[in-house]
Structure formats: structure tokens, C-alpha cells
N, C-alpha and C. Protein backbone atom coordinates (compact mmCIF):
# COMPACT_ATOMS: atom_id res chain seq x y z
N MET A 1 39.21 18.09 -0.18
CA MET A 1 38.01 17.46 0.15
C MET A 1 38.30 16.06 0.40
N SER A 2 38.13 15.53 1.62
CA SER A 2 38.31 14.07 2.01
C SER A 2 36.56 13.58 1.67
N GLN A 3 36.65 11.96 1.55
CA GLN A 3 35.44 11.38 1.09
C GLN A 3 34.36 11.78 2.26
N ILE A 4 34.43 12.41 3.34
CA ILE A 4 34.11 12.14 4.91
C ILE A 4 33.23 13.41 4.80
N ASP A 5 34.54 14.41 4.33
CA ASP A 5 33.46 15.59 4.14
C ASP A 5 32.33 16.10 3.10
N GLU A 6 32.74 15.01 1.75
CA GLU A 6 31.94 15.39 0.70
C GLU A 6 30.43 14.31 1.05
N PHE A 7 31.10 13.43 1.39
CA PHE A 7 29.75 12.76 2.34
C PHE A 7 28.37 13.49 3.12
N LYS A 8 29.08 14.30 4.12
CA LYS A 8 28.80 15.35 5.11
C LYS A 8 27.91 16.55 4.19
N GLY A 9 28.59 16.69 3.26
CA GLY A 9 27.79 17.59 2.63
C GLY A 9 26.44 17.22 0.99
N PHE A 10 26.71 15.65 1.16
CA PHE A 10 25.60 15.15 0.12
C PHE A 10 24.62 15.08 1.14
N LEU A 11 24.75 14.55 2.14
CA LEU A 11 23.84 14.53 3.60
C LEU A 11 23.36 15.75 3.88
N ALA A 12 23.64 16.73 3.51
CA ALA A 12 23.30 18.32 4.36
C ALA A 12 22.52 19.01 2.96
N GLN A 13 22.38 18.55 1.83
CA GLN A 13 21.82 18.74 0.41
C GLN A 13 20.30 18.38 0.93
N GLY A 14 19.45 19.84 0.21
CA GLY A 14 18.09 19.79 0.67
C GLY A 14 17.30 18.06 0.21
N ASN A 15 17.62 18.15 -0.87
CA ASN A 15 17.28 16.62 -1.61
C ASN A 15 17.14 15.70 -1.40
N VAL A 16 17.93 15.10 -0.41
CA VAL A 16 18.27 14.19 0.58
C VAL A 16 17.38 14.07 1.58
N VAL A 17 17.19 15.17 2.18
CA VAL A 17 16.82 15.29 3.48
C VAL A 17 14.93 15.11 2.93
N ASP A 18 15.04 16.19 1.97
CA ASP A 18 13.29 15.88 1.29
C ASP A 18 12.82 14.59 0.92
N LEU A 19 14.18 13.42 0.84
CA LEU A 19 13.64 12.34 0.29
C LEU A 19 13.48 11.54 1.61
N ALA A 20 14.30 11.60 2.16
CA ALA A 20 13.84 10.75 3.56
C ALA A 20 12.79 11.30 3.78
N THR A 21 12.51 12.35 4.10
CA THR A 21 11.41 12.89 4.98
C THR A 21 9.88 12.25 3.94
N GLY A 22 10.01 11.91 2.23
CA GLY A 22 8.82 11.43 1.76
C GLY A 22 8.89 10.13 1.86
N VAL A 23 10.01 9.21 2.05
CA VAL A 23 9.73 7.77 2.50
C VAL A 23 9.51 7.58 3.83
N ILE A 24 9.79 8.35 4.27
CA ILE A 24 9.38 8.71 5.90
C ILE A 24 7.28 8.35 5.96
N ILE A 25 7.44 9.42 5.48
CA ILE A 25 5.80 10.04 5.56
C ILE A 25 4.90 9.00 4.58
N GLY A 26 5.48 8.68 3.45
CA GLY A 26 5.49 7.45 2.38
C GLY A 26 4.60 6.18 3.19
N GLY A 27 5.81 5.92 3.63
CA GLY A 27 5.71 4.65 4.65
C GLY A 27 4.54 4.79 5.82
N ALA A 28 4.52 5.73 6.53
CA ALA A 28 3.26 5.79 7.50
C ALA A 28 2.21 6.14 6.84
N PHE A 29 1.91 6.52 5.72
CA PHE A 29 0.72 6.67 4.61
C PHE A 29 -0.11 5.63 4.43
N GLY A 30 1.61 4.68 4.06
CA GLY A 30 0.90 3.24 3.22
C GLY A 30 -0.01 2.45 4.71
N LYS A 31 0.55 2.75 5.89
CA LYS A 31 0.03 1.69 7.05
C LYS A 31 -1.70 2.27 7.29
N ILE A 32 -1.48 3.99 7.26
CA ILE A 32 -2.96 4.16 7.22
C ILE A 32 -3.72 3.35 6.40
N VAL A 33 -3.35 3.41 4.89
CA VAL A 33 -4.13 3.17 3.97
C VAL A 33 -4.63 1.56 4.24
N ASN A 34 -3.66 0.61 4.44
CA ASN A 34 -3.94 -0.48 4.76
C ASN A 34 -4.91 -0.78 5.45
N SER A 35 -5.09 0.01 7.06
CA SER A 35 -5.85 -0.30 7.86
C SER A 35 -7.04 0.23 7.47
N LEU A 36 -7.15 1.38 6.64
CA LEU A 36 -8.42 2.14 6.01
C LEU A 36 -9.31 0.53 4.98
N VAL A 37 -8.37 0.02 4.07
CA VAL A 37 -8.93 -1.03 3.83
C VAL A 37 -9.26 -2.10 4.48
N ASN A 38 -8.33 -2.91 5.07
CA ASN A 38 -8.84 -4.06 5.73
C ASN A 38 -9.68 -4.12 7.05
N ASP A 39 -9.46 -2.50 7.79
CA ASP A 39 -10.36 -2.31 9.08
C ASP A 39 -11.82 -1.98 8.72
N ILE A 40 -11.65 -1.02 7.91
CA ILE A 40 -12.76 0.01 7.34
C ILE A 40 -13.77 -0.60 6.60
N LEU A 41 -12.87 -0.44 5.17
CA LEU A 41 -13.74 -0.82 3.72
C LEU A 41 -14.21 -2.04 3.66
N MET A 42 -12.98 -2.77 4.04
CA MET A 42 -13.09 -4.20 2.89
C MET A 42 -14.40 -5.42 3.91
N PRO A 43 -14.50 -5.18 5.65
CA PRO A 43 -15.70 -5.74 6.09
C PRO A 43 -17.10 -5.32 5.92
N PRO A 44 -17.42 -3.80 5.10
CA PRO A 44 -18.61 -3.79 5.19
C PRO A 44 -18.89 -4.30 3.39
N ILE A 45 -18.01 -3.76 2.84
CA ILE A 45 -17.88 -5.15 1.49
C ILE A 45 -18.43 -6.17 1.77
N GLY A 46 -17.40 -6.87 2.25
CA GLY A 46 -17.73 -8.28 2.37
C GLY A 46 -19.07 -8.51 3.05
N LEU A 47 -19.56 -7.92 4.08
CA LEU A 47 -21.07 -7.92 4.54
C LEU A 47 -21.98 -7.76 3.30
N LEU A 48 -21.87 -7.00 2.41
CA LEU A 48 -23.08 -6.59 1.22
C LEU A 48 -22.94 -8.00 0.78
N ILE A 49 -21.94 -8.69 0.27
CA ILE A 49 -21.55 -9.58 -0.79
C ILE A 49 -21.73 -10.74 -0.04
N GLY A 50 -22.67 -11.11 0.79
CA GLY A 50 -22.67 -12.35 1.86
C GLY A 50 -21.76 -12.81 2.95
N GLY A 51 -21.09 -11.83 3.66
CA GLY A 51 -20.38 -12.00 4.28
C GLY A 51 -18.76 -12.82 4.36
N VAL A 52 -18.61 -12.17 3.18
CA VAL A 52 -17.39 -12.74 2.66
C VAL A 52 -16.00 -12.19 3.79
N ASP A 53 -15.20 -12.35 3.92
CA ASP A 53 -13.56 -12.12 4.02
C ASP A 53 -12.85 -12.30 3.37
N PHE A 54 -12.41 -11.36 3.10
CA PHE A 54 -11.32 -11.32 1.73
C PHE A 54 -10.17 -11.97 1.76
N LYS A 55 -9.60 -11.58 3.22
CA LYS A 55 -8.49 -11.73 3.34
C LYS A 55 -8.18 -13.71 3.56
N SER A 56 -9.81 -14.07 3.95
CA SER A 56 -9.73 -15.93 3.75
C SER A 56 -9.66 -16.74 2.21
N LEU A 57 -9.69 -15.74 1.57
CA LEU A 57 -10.56 -16.34 0.27
C LEU A 57 -9.19 -16.52 -0.44
N PHE A 58 -9.23 -17.77 -1.15
CA PHE A 58 -7.98 -18.33 -1.41
C PHE A 58 -8.52 -19.98 -2.29
N VAL A 59 -7.44 -20.36 -3.35
CA VAL A 59 -7.65 -21.25 -4.44
C VAL A 59 -6.67 -22.21 -4.24
N VAL A 60 -6.77 -23.99 -3.87
CA VAL A 60 -5.84 -24.43 -3.37
C VAL A 60 -5.44 -25.07 -5.00
N LEU A 61 -3.77 -25.10 -4.98
CA LEU A 61 -3.48 -25.27 -6.57
C LEU A 61 -3.04 -26.79 -6.10
N GLY A 62 -3.63 -27.76 -6.18
CA GLY A 62 -3.21 -29.13 -6.00
C GLY A 62 -4.74 -30.34 -5.75
N PRO A 63 -4.77 -31.18 -5.50
CA PRO A 63 -6.10 -32.36 -5.36
C PRO A 63 -6.76 -31.94 -3.93
N THR A 64 -6.02 -31.72 -2.99
CA THR A 64 -6.53 -31.52 -1.63
C THR A 64 -7.16 -30.35 -1.31
N GLN A 65 -8.29 -30.57 -0.87
CA GLN A 65 -8.71 -29.23 -0.54
C GLN A 65 -8.89 -29.17 1.23
N TYR A 66 -9.05 -27.61 1.28
CA TYR A 66 -8.57 -27.90 3.25
C TYR A 66 -9.80 -26.39 3.25
N ALA A 67 -10.36 -26.71 4.45
CA ALA A 67 -11.30 -25.84 4.51
C ALA A 67 -11.47 -24.03 5.00
N THR A 68 -9.75 -24.17 5.32
CA THR A 68 -9.48 -22.56 5.73
C THR A 68 -7.90 -22.74 5.41
N LEU A 69 -7.63 -20.99 4.91
CA LEU A 69 -6.05 -20.75 4.95
C LEU A 69 -5.14 -21.42 5.47
N GLU A 70 -5.09 -20.93 7.12
CA GLU A 70 -4.59 -21.14 7.86
C GLU A 70 -3.97 -22.80 7.67
N GLU A 71 -5.14 -23.77 7.68
CA GLU A 71 -4.87 -25.01 7.38
C GLU A 71 -4.22 -25.78 5.84
N ALA A 72 -4.60 -25.07 4.60
CA ALA A 72 -3.44 -25.25 3.74
C ALA A 72 -2.67 -24.04 3.95
N THR A 73 -1.59 -23.48 4.46
CA THR A 73 -0.44 -22.81 4.63
C THR A 73 0.27 -23.67 5.86
N LYS A 74 -0.47 -23.97 7.12
CA LYS A 74 -0.07 -25.16 7.80
C LYS A 74 0.96 -26.38 7.64
N VAL A 75 -0.12 -26.96 6.03
CA VAL A 75 0.70 -28.12 5.60
C VAL A 75 1.13 -28.15 4.32
N GLY A 76 1.79 -26.60 3.92
CA GLY A 76 2.44 -26.09 2.82
C GLY A 76 1.92 -26.63 1.70
N ALA A 77 0.62 -26.07 1.61
CA ALA A 77 -0.40 -26.48 0.38
C ALA A 77 -0.04 -25.13 -0.60
N PRO A 78 0.53 -25.22 -1.97
CA PRO A 78 0.61 -24.20 -2.73
C PRO A 78 -1.05 -23.40 -2.94
N VAL A 79 -1.02 -22.17 -3.07
CA VAL A 79 -2.12 -21.37 -2.59
C VAL A 79 -2.40 -20.46 -3.67
N ILE A 80 -3.31 -19.68 -4.44
CA ILE A 80 -3.40 -18.52 -4.39
C ILE A 80 -4.39 -17.52 -3.89
N ARG A 81 -3.86 -16.26 -2.59
CA ARG A 81 -4.67 -15.77 -2.07
C ARG A 81 -5.08 -14.72 -3.25
N TYR A 82 -6.21 -14.69 -3.99
CA TYR A 82 -6.67 -13.90 -4.59
C TYR A 82 -7.35 -12.91 -3.45
N GLY A 83 -7.48 -13.01 -2.34
CA GLY A 83 -8.39 -12.09 -1.43
C GLY A 83 -7.68 -11.47 -1.20
N LEU A 84 -6.16 -11.42 -0.87
CA LEU A 84 -5.26 -10.40 -0.35
C LEU A 84 -4.90 -9.58 -1.50
N PHE A 85 -4.86 -10.44 -2.52
CA PHE A 85 -5.05 -9.38 -3.66
C PHE A 85 -6.13 -8.72 -3.90
N VAL A 86 -6.68 -8.96 -4.17
CA VAL A 86 -8.17 -7.46 -3.86
C VAL A 86 -8.10 -6.63 -3.31
N ASN A 87 -7.17 -7.18 -1.87
CA ASN A 87 -7.49 -6.15 -0.81
C ASN A 87 -6.22 -5.36 -1.32
N THR A 88 -5.19 -5.61 -1.44
CA THR A 88 -3.77 -4.96 -2.18
C THR A 88 -4.26 -3.90 -3.36
N VAL A 89 -5.33 -4.45 -4.03
CA VAL A 89 -5.57 -3.61 -5.25
C VAL A 89 -6.48 -2.02 -4.64
N PHE A 90 -7.12 -2.39 -3.61
CA PHE A 90 -7.60 -1.38 -3.27
C PHE A 90 -7.21 -0.09 -2.48
N GLU A 91 -6.14 -1.17 -1.97
CA GLU A 91 -4.98 -0.22 -1.75
C GLU A 91 -4.52 0.83 -2.47
N PHE A 92 -4.45 0.45 -3.58
CA PHE A 92 -3.30 0.67 -4.42
C PHE A 92 -4.53 1.85 -4.41
N LEU A 93 -5.55 1.45 -5.08
CA LEU A 93 -6.40 2.78 -5.90
C LEU A 93 -6.76 3.71 -4.78
N ILE A 94 -7.01 3.49 -3.64
CA ILE A 94 -6.64 4.87 -2.72
C ILE A 94 -5.78 5.16 -2.55
N ILE A 95 -4.66 5.03 -2.58
CA ILE A 95 -3.06 5.29 -2.60
C ILE A 95 -3.23 6.45 -3.82
N ALA A 96 -3.52 5.54 -5.18
CA ALA A 96 -2.95 6.34 -6.79
C ALA A 96 -4.10 7.36 -6.42
N ALA A 97 -5.45 7.60 -5.42
CA ALA A 97 -6.23 8.97 -5.76
C ALA A 97 -5.58 9.74 -5.00
N CYS A 98 -5.43 9.44 -3.73
CA CYS A 98 -4.74 10.65 -2.85
C CYS A 98 -3.58 11.41 -3.26
N ILE A 99 -2.55 10.09 -4.15
CA ILE A 99 -1.56 10.70 -4.90
C ILE A 99 -2.04 11.72 -6.00
N PHE A 100 -2.97 11.29 -6.40
CA PHE A 100 -3.62 12.16 -8.23
C PHE A 100 -4.33 13.44 -7.23
N PHE A 101 -4.89 13.80 -6.10
CA PHE A 101 -5.28 15.05 -5.49
C PHE A 101 -4.81 15.73 -5.15
N VAL A 102 -3.10 15.36 -4.20
CA VAL A 102 -2.01 16.09 -4.10
C VAL A 102 -1.41 16.59 -4.51
N VAL A 103 -1.17 15.95 -6.08
CA VAL A 103 -0.19 16.12 -7.26
C VAL A 103 -1.05 17.89 -7.64
N LYS A 104 -2.36 17.72 -8.09
CA LYS A 104 -3.50 17.94 -8.98
C LYS A 104 -3.29 19.53 -8.06
N GLN A 105 -3.00 19.44 -6.97
CA GLN A 105 -3.11 20.65 -5.82
C GLN A 105 -2.30 21.46 -5.84
N MET A 106 -1.21 20.51 -5.63
CA MET A 106 0.33 21.33 -5.94
C MET A 106 0.42 22.05 -7.39
N THR A 107 0.13 21.38 -8.40
CA THR A 107 -0.24 21.67 -9.42
C THR A 107 -0.47 23.13 -9.87
N LYS A 108 -1.32 23.40 -9.12
CA LYS A 108 -2.47 24.51 -8.68
C LYS A 108 -1.53 25.71 -8.21
N LEU A 109 -1.41 25.51 -7.56
CA LEU A 109 -0.56 26.37 -6.24
C LEU A 109 1.38 26.71 -6.52
N VAL A 110 1.50 26.05 -7.40
CA VAL A 110 3.13 26.48 -8.05
C VAL A 110 2.84 26.24 -9.80
N ALA A 111 1.82 26.90 -9.67
CA ALA A 111 1.53 27.22 -11.71
C ALA A 111 1.77 28.86 -11.39
N PRO A 112 2.29 29.59 -13.00
CA PRO A 112 2.42 30.47 -13.26
C PRO A 112 1.04 31.13 -12.91
N PRO A 113 0.71 32.53 -12.34
CA PRO A 113 -0.58 33.22 -12.95
C PRO A 113 -1.05 33.10 -14.03
N LYS A 114 -2.59 33.00 -14.80
CA LYS A 114 -2.39 33.21 -15.91
C LYS A 114 -3.00 34.85 -16.04
N LYS A 115 -2.64 35.00 -17.22
CA LYS A 115 -2.43 36.98 -16.80
C LYS A 115 -3.42 37.22 -18.45
């Protein structure tokens, strides 16, 4: 059997196709959650705590202070973008909750019936 035939056999296995499908769906799901956090959840939360835009929260690591993140980034100042980190934590929590509920339901579906 040639390496090309072995490679074709490998690609035809169900596990490879399942994995590829999962990666593609996972990427799309990540984009949906990212939009949910950035476009739906964080604006009202920011409004409730005083009109804060989390994406623009940062700390400059140096003596010079800048009014906006864009100004600091433009001149190459070292910054800690903690607002983006908060958004990412929210995204993670939503994805983790979704995965928890999906796995919980799948476990119920594939669990052997109780006797």
C-alpha cells in the first residue's frame, strides 16, 4: 500500500471528518460568542457602571499618560489592555457554560437506561 493510499484511508476515517467538522463549528461558535459579548452584553454592563467602554480600558506602563488607547498604541507605548481581558473572560465563561450544558445533555442521551 502506497503512502498516498494510506493518506486517503486516514482522511476517510470518521474521526478525522468529525474533528474537522468540530473545529469549523467551534470557530464559528467562537465568533458568535465574541459578538454576543462585545456587541450585546458589554455595552449595557458598561452603561450600568457609568458609561464605561471595556475595550478602551488600559494602563500605560511608563511615565507618559495618554487619553486614549489609540494614542498610546500609535506611539508604541507599552500598555496593559485589561478591558479586552475582561471581555475575553466573559467570552470564556459563556463558551464554558455552553459546553457544560451540551456535554450534560449528551451524557443523558448516551447513558445506559437505569434498570
